[in-house]
Amino acid sequence: MNIVIQNGVVVLEPQLSQIDASVALQFQQTLTAGITEALKTYPGKPFLLDLEKVQFIDSSGLGKILGGIRQVKQSGGSMAVTAQSSAVATLFKIVRLNQMAPVYTDRRSALDGITG
């Protein structure tokens, strides 16, 4: 997972093409550690989970993403998500992920939406 600061936003970049049961535990550990470190290093900064490279997510992967969003929210922060893959975007619409976090189609629109 790469973590960068862009326009004052902590951007989390998983380096996976799919988030499914075969990598869910590893993804959860990496995501949790990245969020924990970023909350300490960049307090008060909004988060963006950029899933640009992710083409497929199953229910276990979705659960880990929701856990990451909850972790940020419980710390008083906010997180948005990008979904460039039509399969991932459709999944997020079906499960109404946008009720927990804003969902954008690309990083540029997400950063514009987050920073206003």
PDB file of N, CA and C in Angstrom:
ATOM      1  N   MET A   1       0.856  -1.173   0.000  1.00  0.00           N
ATOM      2  CA  MET A   1       0.000   0.000   0.000  1.00  0.00           C
ATOM      3  C   MET A   1       0.898   1.230   0.000  1.00  0.00           C
ATOM      4  N   ASN A   2       0.700   2.073  -0.983  1.00  0.00           N
ATOM      5  CA  ASN A   2       1.388   3.358  -0.995  1.00  0.00           C
ATOM      6  C   ASN A   2       0.524   4.378  -0.272  1.00  0.00           C
ATOM      7  N   ILE A   3       1.174   5.275   0.448  1.00  0.00           N
ATOM      8  CA  ILE A   3       0.474   6.367   1.121  1.00  0.00           C
ATOM      9  C   ILE A   3       1.156   7.655   0.698  1.00  0.00           C
ATOM     10  N   VAL A   4       0.386   8.559   0.097  1.00  0.00           N
ATOM     11  CA  VAL A   4       0.916   9.849  -0.344  1.00  0.00           C
ATOM     12  C   VAL A   4      -0.014  10.957   0.133  1.00  0.00           C
ATOM     13  N   ILE A   5       0.532  12.163   0.218  1.00  0.00           N
ATOM     14  CA  ILE A   5      -0.287  13.337   0.511  1.00  0.00           C
ATOM     15  C   ILE A   5      -0.447  14.100  -0.793  1.00  0.00           C
ATOM     16  N   GLN A   6      -1.683  14.359  -1.177  1.00  0.00           N
ATOM     17  CA  GLN A   6      -1.946  15.113  -2.397  1.00  0.00           C
ATOM     18  C   GLN A   6      -3.036  16.129  -2.104  1.00  0.00           C
ATOM     19  N   ASN A   7      -2.745  17.388  -2.332  1.00  0.00           N
ATOM     20  CA  ASN A   7      -3.689  18.483  -2.066  1.00  0.00           C
ATOM     21  C   ASN A   7      -4.215  18.440  -0.638  1.00  0.00           C
ATOM     22  N   GLY A   8      -3.365  18.067   0.307  1.00  0.00           N
ATOM     23  CA  GLY A   8      -3.766  18.023   1.709  1.00  0.00           C
ATOM     24  C   GLY A   8      -4.611  16.822   2.089  1.00  0.00           C
ATOM     25  N   VAL A   9      -4.667  15.821   1.207  1.00  0.00           N
ATOM     26  CA  VAL A   9      -5.463  14.610   1.434  1.00  0.00           C
ATOM     27  C   VAL A   9      -4.512  13.415   1.548  1.00  0.00           C
ATOM     28  N   VAL A  10      -4.748  12.553   2.534  1.00  0.00           N
ATOM     29  CA  VAL A  10      -3.982  11.309   2.667  1.00  0.00           C
ATOM     30  C   VAL A  10      -4.569  10.303   1.676  1.00  0.00           C
ATOM     31  N   VAL A  11      -3.788   9.948   0.663  1.00  0.00           N
ATOM     32  CA  VAL A  11      -4.257   9.024  -0.370  1.00  0.00           C
ATOM     33  C   VAL A  11      -3.640   7.651  -0.118  1.00  0.00           C
ATOM     34  N   LEU A  12      -4.501   6.665   0.068  1.00  0.00           N
ATOM     35  CA  LEU A  12      -4.094   5.269   0.262  1.00  0.00           C
ATOM     36  C   LEU A  12      -4.251   4.556  -1.074  1.00  0.00           C
ATOM     37  N   GLU A  13      -3.171   3.950  -1.561  1.00  0.00           N
ATOM     38  CA  GLU A  13      -3.168   3.312  -2.874  1.00  0.00           C
ATOM     39  C   GLU A  13      -2.840   1.822  -2.757  1.00  0.00           C
ATOM     40  N   PRO A  14      -3.852   0.962  -2.650  1.00  0.00           N
ATOM     41  CA  PRO A  14      -3.567  -0.475  -2.641  1.00  0.00           C
ATOM     42  C   PRO A  14      -2.959  -0.895  -3.983  1.00  0.00           C
ATOM     43  N   GLN A  15      -1.969  -1.747  -3.935  1.00  0.00           N
ATOM     44  CA  GLN A  15      -1.296  -2.210  -5.145  1.00  0.00           C
ATOM     45  C   GLN A  15      -1.815  -3.595  -5.531  1.00  0.00           C
ATOM     46  N   LEU A  16      -3.126  -3.718  -5.584  1.00  0.00           N
ATOM     47  CA  LEU A  16      -3.781  -4.995  -5.868  1.00  0.00           C
ATOM     48  C   LEU A  16      -4.734  -4.829  -7.039  1.00  0.00           C
ATOM     49  N   SER A  17      -4.908  -5.879  -7.835  1.00  0.00           N
ATOM     50  CA  SER A  17      -5.905  -5.841  -8.901  1.00  0.00           C
ATOM     51  C   SER A  17      -7.240  -6.397  -8.423  1.00  0.00           C
ATOM     52  N   GLN A  18      -7.209  -7.148  -7.327  1.00  0.00           N
ATOM     53  CA  GLN A  18      -8.450  -7.655  -6.749  1.00  0.00           C
ATOM     54  C   GLN A  18      -8.304  -7.730  -5.235  1.00  0.00           C
ATOM     55  N   ILE A  19      -9.423  -7.518  -4.568  1.00  0.00           N
ATOM     56  CA  ILE A  19      -9.461  -7.646  -3.109  1.00  0.00           C
ATOM     57  C   ILE A  19     -10.519  -8.695  -2.817  1.00  0.00           C
ATOM     58  N   ASP A  20     -10.058  -9.916  -2.610  1.00  0.00           N
ATOM     59  CA  ASP A  20     -10.968 -11.035  -2.378  1.00  0.00           C
ATOM     60  C   ASP A  20     -10.475 -11.852  -1.185  1.00  0.00           C
ATOM     61  N   ALA A  21     -11.117 -12.970  -0.955  1.00  0.00           N
ATOM     62  CA  ALA A  21     -10.800 -13.791   0.218  1.00  0.00           C
ATOM     63  C   ALA A  21      -9.329 -14.207   0.270  1.00  0.00           C
ATOM     64  N   SER A  22      -8.699 -14.355  -0.884  1.00  0.00           N
ATOM     65  CA  SER A  22      -7.304 -14.814  -0.899  1.00  0.00           C
ATOM     66  C   SER A  22      -6.326 -13.762  -0.371  1.00  0.00           C
ATOM     67  N   VAL A  23      -6.710 -12.491  -0.389  1.00  0.00           N
ATOM     68  CA  VAL A  23      -5.813 -11.419   0.082  1.00  0.00           C
ATOM     69  C   VAL A  23      -6.462 -10.537   1.147  1.00  0.00           C
ATOM     70  N   ALA A  24      -7.677 -10.876   1.556  1.00  0.00           N
ATOM     71  CA  ALA A  24      -8.441 -10.001   2.456  1.00  0.00           C
ATOM     72  C   ALA A  24      -7.730  -9.734   3.777  1.00  0.00           C
ATOM     73  N   LEU A  25      -7.179 -10.749   4.387  1.00  0.00           N
ATOM     74  CA  LEU A  25      -6.508 -10.555   5.674  1.00  0.00           C
ATOM     75  C   LEU A  25      -5.272  -9.670   5.522  1.00  0.00           C
ATOM     76  N   GLN A  26      -4.467  -9.944   4.517  1.00  0.00           N
ATOM     77  CA  GLN A  26      -3.282  -9.119   4.255  1.00  0.00           C
ATOM     78  C   GLN A  26      -3.697  -7.675   3.955  1.00  0.00           C
ATOM     79  N   PHE A  27      -4.737  -7.496   3.136  1.00  0.00           N
ATOM     80  CA  PHE A  27      -5.226  -6.157   2.813  1.00  0.00           C
ATOM     81  C   PHE A  27      -5.688  -5.439   4.077  1.00  0.00           C
ATOM     82  N   GLN A  28      -6.434  -6.138   4.927  1.00  0.00           N
ATOM     83  CA  GLN A  28      -6.921  -5.538   6.170  1.00  0.00           C
ATOM     84  C   GLN A  28      -5.755  -5.075   7.046  1.00  0.00           C
ATOM     85  N   GLN A  29      -4.755  -5.918   7.196  1.00  0.00           N
ATOM     86  CA  GLN A  29      -3.603  -5.566   8.030  1.00  0.00           C
ATOM     87  C   GLN A  29      -2.867  -4.353   7.469  1.00  0.00           C
ATOM     88  N   THR A  30      -2.673  -4.338   6.169  1.00  0.00           N
ATOM     89  CA  THR A  30      -1.981  -3.227   5.524  1.00  0.00           C
ATOM     90  C   THR A  30      -2.802  -1.948   5.614  1.00  0.00           C
ATOM     91  N   LEU A  31      -4.099  -2.050   5.362  1.00  0.00           N
ATOM     92  CA  LEU A  31      -4.977  -0.881   5.421  1.00  0.00           C
ATOM     93  C   LEU A  31      -5.041  -0.327   6.837  1.00  0.00           C
ATOM     94  N   THR A  32      -5.244  -1.190   7.812  1.00  0.00           N
ATOM     95  CA  THR A  32      -5.321  -0.756   9.211  1.00  0.00           C
ATOM     96  C   THR A  32      -4.024  -0.085   9.647  1.00  0.00           C
ATOM     97  N   ALA A  33      -2.896  -0.695   9.305  1.00  0.00           N
ATOM     98  CA  ALA A  33      -1.598  -0.114   9.679  1.00  0.00           C
ATOM     99  C   ALA A  33      -1.384   1.228   8.990  1.00  0.00           C
ATOM    100  N   GLY A  34      -1.748   1.318   7.720  1.00  0.00           N
ATOM    101  CA  GLY A  34      -1.599   2.575   6.985  1.00  0.00           C
ATOM    102  C   GLY A  34      -2.456   3.682   7.561  1.00  0.00           C
ATOM    103  N   ILE A  35      -3.692   3.361   7.887  1.00  0.00           N
ATOM    104  CA  ILE A  35      -4.594   4.354   8.478  1.00  0.00           C
ATOM    105  C   ILE A  35      -4.077   4.784   9.843  1.00  0.00           C
ATOM    106  N   THR A  36      -3.677   3.825  10.665  1.00  0.00           N
ATOM    107  CA  THR A  36      -3.175   4.138  12.009  1.00  0.00           C
ATOM    108  C   THR A  36      -1.977   5.078  11.934  1.00  0.00           C
ATOM    109  N   GLU A  37      -1.034   4.764  11.069  1.00  0.00           N
ATOM    110  CA  GLU A  37       0.165   5.599  10.917  1.00  0.00           C
ATOM    111  C   GLU A  37      -0.198   6.988  10.385  1.00  0.00           C
ATOM    112  N   ALA A  38      -1.069   7.042   9.386  1.00  0.00           N
ATOM    113  CA  ALA A  38      -1.449   8.332   8.798  1.00  0.00           C
ATOM    114  C   ALA A  38      -2.226   9.197   9.786  1.00  0.00           C
ATOM    115  N   LEU A  39      -3.051   8.580  10.630  1.00  0.00           N
ATOM    116  CA  LEU A  39      -3.782   9.355  11.637  1.00  0.00           C
ATOM    117  C   LEU A  39      -2.818  10.015  12.616  1.00  0.00           C
ATOM    118  N   LYS A  40      -1.712   9.334  12.923  1.00  0.00           N
ATOM    119  CA  LYS A  40      -0.703   9.903  13.827  1.00  0.00           C
ATOM    120  C   LYS A  40       0.137  10.967  13.128  1.00  0.00           C
ATOM    121  N   THR A  41       0.531  10.672  11.903  1.00  0.00           N
ATOM    122  CA  THR A  41       1.442  11.547  11.170  1.00  0.00           C
ATOM    123  C   THR A  41       0.743  12.770  10.592  1.00  0.00           C
ATOM    124  N   TYR A  42      -0.486  12.602  10.140  1.00  0.00           N
ATOM    125  CA  TYR A  42      -1.236  13.677   9.482  1.00  0.00           C
ATOM    126  C   TYR A  42      -2.585  13.883  10.162  1.00  0.00           C
ATOM    127  N   PRO A  43      -2.588  14.260  11.430  1.00  0.00           N
ATOM    128  CA  PRO A  43      -3.868  14.406  12.138  1.00  0.00           C
ATOM    129  C   PRO A  43      -4.762  15.453  11.476  1.00  0.00           C
ATOM    130  N   GLY A  44      -6.035  15.114  11.400  1.00  0.00           N
ATOM    131  CA  GLY A  44      -7.015  16.044  10.857  1.00  0.00           C
ATOM    132  C   GLY A  44      -7.128  16.057   9.347  1.00  0.00           C
ATOM    133  N   LYS A  45      -6.264  15.330   8.655  1.00  0.00           N
ATOM    134  CA  LYS A  45      -6.324  15.302   7.190  1.00  0.00           C
ATOM    135  C   LYS A  45      -7.393  14.310   6.728  1.00  0.00           C
ATOM    136  N   PRO A  46      -8.131  14.653   5.669  1.00  0.00           N
ATOM    137  CA  PRO A  46      -9.091  13.697   5.108  1.00  0.00           C
ATOM    138  C   PRO A  46      -8.356  12.573   4.373  1.00  0.00           C
ATOM    139  N   PHE A  47      -9.033  11.449   4.208  1.00  0.00           N
ATOM    140  CA  PHE A  47      -8.468  10.271   3.553  1.00  0.00           C
ATOM    141  C   PHE A  47      -9.180  10.000   2.231  1.00  0.00           C
ATOM    142  N   LEU A  48      -8.427   9.414   1.301  1.00  0.00           N
ATOM    143  CA  LEU A  48      -8.976   8.904   0.054  1.00  0.00           C
ATOM    144  C   LEU A  48      -8.412   7.507  -0.164  1.00  0.00           C
ATOM    145  N   LEU A  49      -9.283   6.522  -0.272  1.00  0.00           N
ATOM    146  CA  LEU A  49      -8.879   5.162  -0.631  1.00  0.00           C
ATOM    147  C   LEU A  49      -9.020   5.062  -2.144  1.00  0.00           C
ATOM    148  N   ASP A  50      -7.891   5.130  -2.847  1.00  0.00           N
ATOM    149  CA  ASP A  50      -7.894   5.161  -4.306  1.00  0.00           C
ATOM    150  C   ASP A  50      -7.760   3.737  -4.843  1.00  0.00           C
ATOM    151  N   LEU A  51      -8.862   3.211  -5.334  1.00  0.00           N
ATOM    152  CA  LEU A  51      -8.917   1.833  -5.827  1.00  0.00           C
ATOM    153  C   LEU A  51      -8.760   1.771  -7.342  1.00  0.00           C
ATOM    154  N   GLU A  52      -7.961   2.679  -7.894  1.00  0.00           N
ATOM    155  CA  GLU A  52      -7.758   2.765  -9.340  1.00  0.00           C
ATOM    156  C   GLU A  52      -7.324   1.437  -9.956  1.00  0.00           C
ATOM    157  N   LYS A  53      -6.451   0.715  -9.299  1.00  0.00           N
ATOM    158  CA  LYS A  53      -5.908  -0.533  -9.850  1.00  0.00           C
ATOM    159  C   LYS A  53      -6.795  -1.742  -9.582  1.00  0.00           C
ATOM    160  N   VAL A  54      -7.782  -1.591  -8.721  1.00  0.00           N
ATOM    161  CA  VAL A  54      -8.609  -2.726  -8.301  1.00  0.00           C
ATOM    162  C   VAL A  54      -9.731  -2.957  -9.312  1.00  0.00           C
ATOM    163  N   GLN A  55      -9.771  -4.167  -9.860  1.00  0.00           N
ATOM    164  CA  GLN A  55     -10.780  -4.532 -10.856  1.00  0.00           C
ATOM    165  C   GLN A  55     -11.900  -5.404 -10.290  1.00  0.00           C
ATOM    166  N   PHE A  56     -11.663  -5.999  -9.113  1.00  0.00           N
ATOM    167  CA  PHE A  56     -12.652  -6.918  -8.536  1.00  0.00           C
ATOM    168  C   PHE A  56     -12.563  -6.880  -7.021  1.00  0.00           C
ATOM    169  N   ILE A  57     -13.722  -6.871  -6.381  1.00  0.00           N
ATOM    170  CA  ILE A  57     -13.814  -6.945  -4.920  1.00  0.00           C
ATOM    171  C   ILE A  57     -14.927  -7.924  -4.583  1.00  0.00           C
ATOM    172  N   ASP A  58     -14.656  -8.885  -3.688  1.00  0.00           N
ATOM    173  CA  ASP A  58     -15.721  -9.774  -3.223  1.00  0.00           C
ATOM    174  C   ASP A  58     -16.199  -9.309  -1.848  1.00  0.00           C
ATOM    175  N   SER A  59     -17.085 -10.070  -1.242  1.00  0.00           N
ATOM    176  CA  SER A  59     -17.690  -9.643   0.028  1.00  0.00           C
ATOM    177  C   SER A  59     -16.664  -9.515   1.146  1.00  0.00           C
ATOM    178  N   SER A  60     -15.650 -10.371   1.144  1.00  0.00           N
ATOM    179  CA  SER A  60     -14.635 -10.255   2.198  1.00  0.00           C
ATOM    180  C   SER A  60     -13.814  -8.982   2.006  1.00  0.00           C
ATOM    181  N   GLY A  61     -13.488  -8.652   0.781  1.00  0.00           N
ATOM    182  CA  GLY A  61     -12.774  -7.405   0.502  1.00  0.00           C
ATOM    183  C   GLY A  61     -13.608  -6.190   0.841  1.00  0.00           C
ATOM    184  N   LEU A  62     -14.894  -6.263   0.517  1.00  0.00           N
ATOM    185  CA  LEU A  62     -15.794  -5.159   0.841  1.00  0.00           C
ATOM    186  C   LEU A  62     -15.847  -4.934   2.349  1.00  0.00           C
ATOM    187  N   GLY A  63     -15.897  -6.014   3.101  1.00  0.00           N
ATOM    188  CA  GLY A  63     -15.910  -5.900   4.559  1.00  0.00           C
ATOM    189  C   GLY A  63     -14.671  -5.211   5.094  1.00  0.00           C
ATOM    190  N   LYS A  64     -13.519  -5.490   4.490  1.00  0.00           N
ATOM    191  CA  LYS A  64     -12.270  -4.857   4.938  1.00  0.00           C
ATOM    192  C   LYS A  64     -12.264  -3.369   4.596  1.00  0.00           C
ATOM    193  N   ILE A  65     -12.810  -3.008   3.442  1.00  0.00           N
ATOM    194  CA  ILE A  65     -12.911  -1.594   3.066  1.00  0.00           C
ATOM    195  C   ILE A  65     -13.828  -0.865   4.037  1.00  0.00           C
ATOM    196  N   LEU A  66     -14.968  -1.466   4.351  1.00  0.00           N
ATOM    197  CA  LEU A  66     -15.892  -0.854   5.313  1.00  0.00           C
ATOM    198  C   LEU A  66     -15.230  -0.695   6.676  1.00  0.00           C
ATOM    199  N   GLY A  67     -14.428  -1.676   7.076  1.00  0.00           N
ATOM    200  CA  GLY A  67     -13.696  -1.583   8.339  1.00  0.00           C
ATOM    201  C   GLY A  67     -12.731  -0.408   8.343  1.00  0.00           C
ATOM    202  N   GLY A  68     -12.064  -0.171   7.222  1.00  0.00           N
ATOM    203  CA  GLY A  68     -11.155   0.968   7.113  1.00  0.00           C
ATOM    204  C   GLY A  68     -11.886   2.292   7.208  1.00  0.00           C
ATOM    205  N   ILE A  69     -13.032   2.376   6.550  1.00  0.00           N
ATOM    206  CA  ILE A  69     -13.841   3.599   6.626  1.00  0.00           C
ATOM    207  C   ILE A  69     -14.273   3.838   8.066  1.00  0.00           C
ATOM    208  N   ARG A  70     -14.728   2.794   8.740  1.00  0.00           N
ATOM    209  CA  ARG A  70     -15.138   2.922  10.150  1.00  0.00           C
ATOM    210  C   ARG A  70     -13.974   3.365  11.030  1.00  0.00           C
ATOM    211  N   GLN A  71     -12.786   2.807  10.798  1.00  0.00           N
ATOM    212  CA  GLN A  71     -11.609   3.171  11.587  1.00  0.00           C
ATOM    213  C   GLN A  71     -11.333   4.672  11.484  1.00  0.00           C
ATOM    214  N   VAL A  72     -11.392   5.209  10.281  1.00  0.00           N
ATOM    215  CA  VAL A  72     -11.146   6.643  10.088  1.00  0.00           C
ATOM    216  C   VAL A  72     -12.252   7.460  10.749  1.00  0.00           C
ATOM    217  N   LYS A  73     -13.500   7.063  10.540  1.00  0.00           N
ATOM    218  CA  LYS A  73     -14.626   7.809  11.125  1.00  0.00           C
ATOM    219  C   LYS A  73     -14.593   7.784  12.649  1.00  0.00           C
ATOM    220  N   GLN A  74     -14.247   6.655  13.244  1.00  0.00           N
ATOM    221  CA  GLN A  74     -14.188   6.558  14.707  1.00  0.00           C
ATOM    222  C   GLN A  74     -13.088   7.435  15.283  1.00  0.00           C
ATOM    223  N   SER A  75     -12.126   7.802  14.458  1.00  0.00           N
ATOM    224  CA  SER A  75     -11.057   8.703  14.891  1.00  0.00           C
ATOM    225  C   SER A  75     -11.405  10.157  14.592  1.00  0.00           C
ATOM    226  N   GLY A  76     -12.638  10.384  14.150  1.00  0.00           N
ATOM    227  CA  GLY A  76     -13.094  11.742  13.868  1.00  0.00           C
ATOM    228  C   GLY A  76     -12.752  12.237  12.481  1.00  0.00           C
ATOM    229  N   GLY A  77     -12.269  11.346  11.618  1.00  0.00           N
ATOM    230  CA  GLY A  77     -11.876  11.745  10.273  1.00  0.00           C
ATOM    231  C   GLY A  77     -12.928  11.415   9.234  1.00  0.00           C
ATOM    232  N   SER A  78     -12.563  11.654   7.982  1.00  0.00           N
ATOM    233  CA  SER A  78     -13.454  11.341   6.867  1.00  0.00           C
ATOM    234  C   SER A  78     -12.660  10.610   5.792  1.00  0.00           C
ATOM    235  N   MET A  79     -13.352   9.763   5.050  1.00  0.00           N
ATOM    236  CA  MET A  79     -12.706   9.015   3.971  1.00  0.00           C
ATOM    237  C   MET A  79     -13.634   8.967   2.774  1.00  0.00           C
ATOM    238  N   ALA A  80     -13.064   9.184   1.600  1.00  0.00           N
ATOM    239  CA  ALA A  80     -13.760   8.990   0.337  1.00  0.00           C
ATOM    240  C   ALA A  80     -13.088   7.816  -0.373  1.00  0.00           C
ATOM    241  N   VAL A  81     -13.749   7.317  -1.413  1.00  0.00           N
ATOM    242  CA  VAL A  81     -13.257   6.145  -2.141  1.00  0.00           C
ATOM    243  C   VAL A  81     -13.375   6.420  -3.638  1.00  0.00           C
ATOM    244  N   THR A  82     -12.397   5.936  -4.418  1.00  0.00           N
ATOM    245  CA  THR A  82     -12.540   5.964  -5.868  1.00  0.00           C
ATOM    246  C   THR A  82     -12.776   4.545  -6.371  1.00  0.00           C
ATOM    247  N   ALA A  83     -13.561   4.451  -7.433  1.00  0.00           N
ATOM    248  CA  ALA A  83     -13.846   3.162  -8.066  1.00  0.00           C
ATOM    249  C   ALA A  83     -13.859   3.381  -9.568  1.00  0.00           C
ATOM    250  N   GLN A  84     -12.741   3.098 -10.240  1.00  0.00           N
ATOM    251  CA  GLN A  84     -12.671   3.286 -11.688  1.00  0.00           C
ATOM    252  C   GLN A  84     -13.242   2.101 -12.446  1.00  0.00           C
ATOM    253  N   SER A  85     -13.101   0.908 -11.898  1.00  0.00           N
ATOM    254  CA  SER A  85     -13.636  -0.286 -12.537  1.00  0.00           C
ATOM    255  C   SER A  85     -15.159  -0.261 -12.468  1.00  0.00           C
ATOM    256  N   SER A  86     -15.810  -0.568 -13.588  1.00  0.00           N
ATOM    257  CA  SER A  86     -17.276  -0.574 -13.586  1.00  0.00           C
ATOM    258  C   SER A  86     -17.821  -1.651 -12.648  1.00  0.00           C
ATOM    259  N   ALA A  87     -17.117  -2.779 -12.521  1.00  0.00           N
ATOM    260  CA  ALA A  87     -17.568  -3.836 -11.607  1.00  0.00           C
ATOM    261  C   ALA A  87     -17.513  -3.359 -10.161  1.00  0.00           C
ATOM    262  N   VAL A  88     -16.446  -2.668  -9.797  1.00  0.00           N
ATOM    263  CA  VAL A  88     -16.309  -2.152  -8.431  1.00  0.00           C
ATOM    264  C   VAL A  88     -17.331  -1.049  -8.185  1.00  0.00           C
ATOM    265  N   ALA A  89     -17.506  -0.153  -9.150  1.00  0.00           N
ATOM    266  CA  ALA A  89     -18.484   0.929  -9.004  1.00  0.00           C
ATOM    267  C   ALA A  89     -19.895   0.368  -8.842  1.00  0.00           C
ATOM    268  N   THR A  90     -20.222  -0.665  -9.606  1.00  0.00           N
ATOM    269  CA  THR A  90     -21.541  -1.294  -9.501  1.00  0.00           C
ATOM    270  C   THR A  90     -21.732  -1.922  -8.126  1.00  0.00           C
ATOM    271  N   LEU A  91     -20.724  -2.617  -7.634  1.00  0.00           N
ATOM    272  CA  LEU A  91     -20.800  -3.209  -6.295  1.00  0.00           C
ATOM    273  C   LEU A  91     -21.062  -2.129  -5.252  1.00  0.00           C
ATOM    274  N   PHE A  92     -20.327  -1.026  -5.329  1.00  0.00           N
ATOM    275  CA  PHE A  92     -20.499   0.050  -4.356  1.00  0.00           C
ATOM    276  C   PHE A  92     -21.907   0.638  -4.416  1.00  0.00           C
ATOM    277  N   LYS A  93     -22.488   0.724  -5.621  1.00  0.00           N
ATOM    278  CA  LYS A  93     -23.868   1.223  -5.743  1.00  0.00           C
ATOM    279  C   LYS A  93     -24.853   0.241  -5.112  1.00  0.00           C
ATOM    280  N   ILE A  94     -24.658  -1.042  -5.371  1.00  0.00           N
ATOM    281  CA  ILE A  94     -25.568  -2.068  -4.852  1.00  0.00           C
ATOM    282  C   ILE A  94     -25.581  -2.065  -3.328  1.00  0.00           C
ATOM    283  N   VAL A  95     -24.410  -1.954  -2.716  1.00  0.00           N
ATOM    284  CA  VAL A  95     -24.333  -2.004  -1.250  1.00  0.00           C
ATOM    285  C   VAL A  95     -24.462  -0.614  -0.614  1.00  0.00           C
ATOM    286  N   ARG A  96     -24.665   0.383  -1.452  1.00  0.00           N
ATOM    287  CA  ARG A  96     -24.857   1.771  -0.993  1.00  0.00           C
ATOM    288  C   ARG A  96     -23.682   2.266  -0.141  1.00  0.00           C
ATOM    289  N   LEU A  97     -22.494   1.981  -0.608  1.00  0.00           N
ATOM    290  CA  LEU A  97     -21.289   2.435   0.084  1.00  0.00           C
ATOM    291  C   LEU A  97     -21.277   3.954   0.221  1.00  0.00           C
ATOM    292  N   ASN A  98     -21.899   4.643  -0.749  1.00  0.00           N
ATOM    293  CA  ASN A  98     -21.910   6.109  -0.708  1.00  0.00           C
ATOM    294  C   ASN A  98     -22.641   6.663   0.511  1.00  0.00           C
ATOM    295  N   GLN A  99     -23.367   5.829   1.230  1.00  0.00           N
ATOM    296  CA  GLN A  99     -23.992   6.291   2.473  1.00  0.00           C
ATOM    297  C   GLN A  99     -22.978   6.343   3.611  1.00  0.00           C
ATOM    298  N   MET A 100     -21.854   5.658   3.463  1.00  0.00           N
ATOM    299  CA  MET A 100     -20.781   5.693   4.473  1.00  0.00           C
ATOM    300  C   MET A 100     -19.651   6.619   4.068  1.00  0.00           C
ATOM    301  N   ALA A 101     -19.390   6.691   2.774  1.00  0.00           N
ATOM    302  CA  ALA A 101     -18.275   7.495   2.273  1.00  0.00           C
ATOM    303  C   ALA A 101     -18.585   7.920   0.839  1.00  0.00           C
ATOM    304  N   PRO A 102     -18.210   9.142   0.475  1.00  0.00           N
ATOM    305  CA  PRO A 102     -18.410   9.553  -0.920  1.00  0.00           C
ATOM    306  C   PRO A 102     -17.622   8.638  -1.860  1.00  0.00           C
ATOM    307  N   VAL A 103     -18.228   8.299  -2.996  1.00  0.00           N
ATOM    308  CA  VAL A 103     -17.576   7.445  -3.985  1.00  0.00           C
ATOM    309  C   VAL A 103     -17.411   8.254  -5.270  1.00  0.00           C
ATOM    310  N   TYR A 104     -16.192   8.285  -5.788  1.00  0.00           N
ATOM    311  CA  TYR A 104     -15.867   9.030  -6.999  1.00  0.00           C
ATOM    312  C   TYR A 104     -15.320   8.079  -8.050  1.00  0.00           C
ATOM    313  N   THR A 105     -15.352   8.516  -9.317  1.00  0.00           N
ATOM    314  CA  THR A 105     -14.873   7.667 -10.406  1.00  0.00           C
ATOM    315  C   THR A 105     -13.369   7.773 -10.631  1.00  0.00           C
ATOM    316  N   ASP A 106     -12.748   8.854 -10.151  1.00  0.00           N
ATOM    317  CA  ASP A 106     -11.308   8.999 -10.335  1.00  0.00           C
ATOM    318  C   ASP A 106     -10.725   9.901  -9.252  1.00  0.00           C
ATOM    319  N   ARG A 107      -9.407   9.899  -9.166  1.00  0.00           N
ATOM    320  CA  ARG A 107      -8.727  10.645  -8.102  1.00  0.00           C
ATOM    321  C   ARG A 107      -8.959  12.151  -8.231  1.00  0.00           C
ATOM    322  N   ARG A 108      -8.886  12.670  -9.433  1.00  0.00           N
ATOM    323  CA  ARG A 108      -9.045  14.117  -9.619  1.00  0.00           C
ATOM    324  C   ARG A 108     -10.393  14.601  -9.096  1.00  0.00           C
ATOM    325  N   SER A 109     -11.471  13.931  -9.487  1.00  0.00           N
ATOM    326  CA  SER A 109     -12.794  14.360  -9.013  1.00  0.00           C
ATOM    327  C   SER A 109     -12.917  14.150  -7.508  1.00  0.00           C
ATOM    328  N   ALA A 110     -12.283  13.112  -6.990  1.00  0.00           N
ATOM    329  CA  ALA A 110     -12.318  12.880  -5.537  1.00  0.00           C
ATOM    330  C   ALA A 110     -11.605  14.005  -4.799  1.00  0.00           C
ATOM    331  N   LEU A 111     -10.412  14.361  -5.247  1.00  0.00           N
ATOM    332  CA  LEU A 111      -9.666  15.435  -4.585  1.00  0.00           C
ATOM    333  C   LEU A 111     -10.418  16.759  -4.678  1.00  0.00           C
ATOM    334  N   ASP A 112     -11.028  17.023  -5.838  1.00  0.00           N
ATOM    335  CA  ASP A 112     -11.835  18.241  -5.983  1.00  0.00           C
ATOM    336  C   ASP A 112     -13.014  18.220  -5.022  1.00  0.00           C
ATOM    337  N   GLY A 113     -13.677  17.065  -4.905  1.00  0.00           N
ATOM    338  CA  GLY A 113     -14.826  16.946  -4.008  1.00  0.00           C
ATOM    339  C   GLY A 113     -14.452  17.052  -2.542  1.00  0.00           C
ATOM    340  N   ILE A 114     -13.304  16.509  -2.182  1.00  0.00           N
ATOM    341  CA  ILE A 114     -12.865  16.525  -0.784  1.00  0.00           C
ATOM    342  C   ILE A 114     -12.405  17.914  -0.369  1.00  0.00           C
ATOM    343  N   THR A 115     -11.628  18.555  -1.234  1.00  0.00           N
ATOM    344  CA  THR A 115     -11.037  19.846  -0.865  1.00  0.00           C
ATOM    345  C   THR A 115     -11.919  21.027  -1.227  1.00  0.00           C
ATOM    346  N   GLY A 116     -12.996  20.760  -1.976  1.00  0.00           N
ATOM    347  CA  GLY A 116     -13.970  21.799  -2.297  1.00  0.00           C
ATOM    348  C   GLY A 116     -13.444  22.827  -3.220  1.00  0.00           C
TER     349      GLY A 116
END
